[in-house]
Amino acid sequence: MKILCNGEARETAAGTRVADYLRQLGLDASSVVVECDGKILTREDYASHELHDGSVLELIRFVGGG
């Protein structure tokens, strides 16, 4: 299925959950804020929130610096 992630069209398997998608991208869920279809998800929702064809994701990563 096709989704839009940070403005880029991407392909992922049907039934993919947000947590699975983050793992596919090699991202640590504890350092990412996810907005899906205009709604900010809690980290607890990542494991249960299923992506659908046409889902729009915005992923924001926090990085430390000094």
Protein backbone atom coordinates (compact mmCIF):
# COMPACT_ATOMS: atom_id res chain seq x y z
CA MET A 1 0.00 0.00 0.00
CA LYS A 2 1.07 3.60 -0.47
CA ILE A 3 1.55 6.08 2.34
CA LEU A 4 3.02 9.57 2.50
CA CYS A 5 5.82 9.97 5.06
CA ASN A 6 7.34 13.42 5.61
CA GLY A 7 6.18 14.43 2.15
CA GLU A 8 7.58 11.36 0.35
CA ALA A 9 5.46 8.63 -1.20
CA ARG A 10 6.42 5.27 0.29
CA GLU A 11 5.32 1.65 0.00
CA THR A 12 4.62 -0.58 2.98
CA ALA A 13 2.77 -3.83 3.56
CA ALA A 14 -0.94 -3.80 4.33
CA GLY A 15 -1.58 -4.06 8.06
CA THR A 16 1.66 -2.33 9.04
CA ARG A 17 1.44 -0.66 12.43
CA VAL A 18 3.29 2.55 13.28
CA ALA A 19 5.76 0.72 15.57
CA ASP A 20 6.56 -1.74 12.76
CA TYR A 21 7.07 1.08 10.28
CA LEU A 22 9.45 2.90 12.63
CA ARG A 23 11.47 -0.32 13.02
CA GLN A 24 11.60 -0.68 9.22
CA LEU A 25 13.11 2.80 9.08
CA GLY A 26 15.59 1.97 11.85
CA LEU A 27 14.13 4.59 14.19
CA ASP A 28 13.90 4.32 17.96
CA ALA A 29 10.25 4.91 18.89
CA SER A 30 11.27 6.67 22.10
CA SER A 31 12.94 9.46 20.11
CA VAL A 32 10.19 10.03 17.53
CA VAL A 33 6.93 11.94 17.63
CA VAL A 34 4.39 10.65 15.10
CA GLU A 35 1.51 12.53 13.55
CA CYS A 36 -0.78 10.32 11.49
CA ASP A 37 -3.55 11.83 9.38
CA GLY A 38 -3.43 15.06 11.37
CA LYS A 39 -3.49 13.45 14.84
CA ILE A 40 -0.48 13.23 17.15
CA LEU A 41 -0.18 9.68 18.48
CA THR A 42 0.95 8.74 21.96
CA ARG A 43 3.86 6.30 22.10
CA GLU A 44 1.45 3.74 23.55
CA ASP A 45 -0.56 3.98 20.31
CA TYR A 46 2.41 3.13 18.07
CA ALA A 47 2.02 -0.63 18.58
CA SER A 48 -1.72 -0.68 17.83
CA HIS A 49 -2.24 2.10 15.26
CA GLU A 50 -2.52 0.48 11.84
CA LEU A 51 -1.53 2.39 8.72
CA HIS A 52 -3.90 2.39 5.76
CA ASP A 53 -3.51 3.07 2.08
CA GLY A 54 -3.16 6.84 1.78
CA SER A 55 -2.11 7.43 5.42
CA VAL A 56 -0.11 10.63 5.87
CA LEU A 57 2.69 10.48 8.44
CA GLU A 58 4.89 13.21 9.81
CA LEU A 59 7.83 11.92 11.83
CA ILE A 60 9.79 14.28 14.06
CA ARG A 61 13.01 13.06 15.66
CA PHE A 62 14.66 14.59 18.66
CA VAL A 63 18.43 14.77 18.63
CA GLY A 64 20.66 16.01 21.41
CA GLY A 65 23.49 18.38 20.99
CA GLY A 66 25.58 20.67 22.97
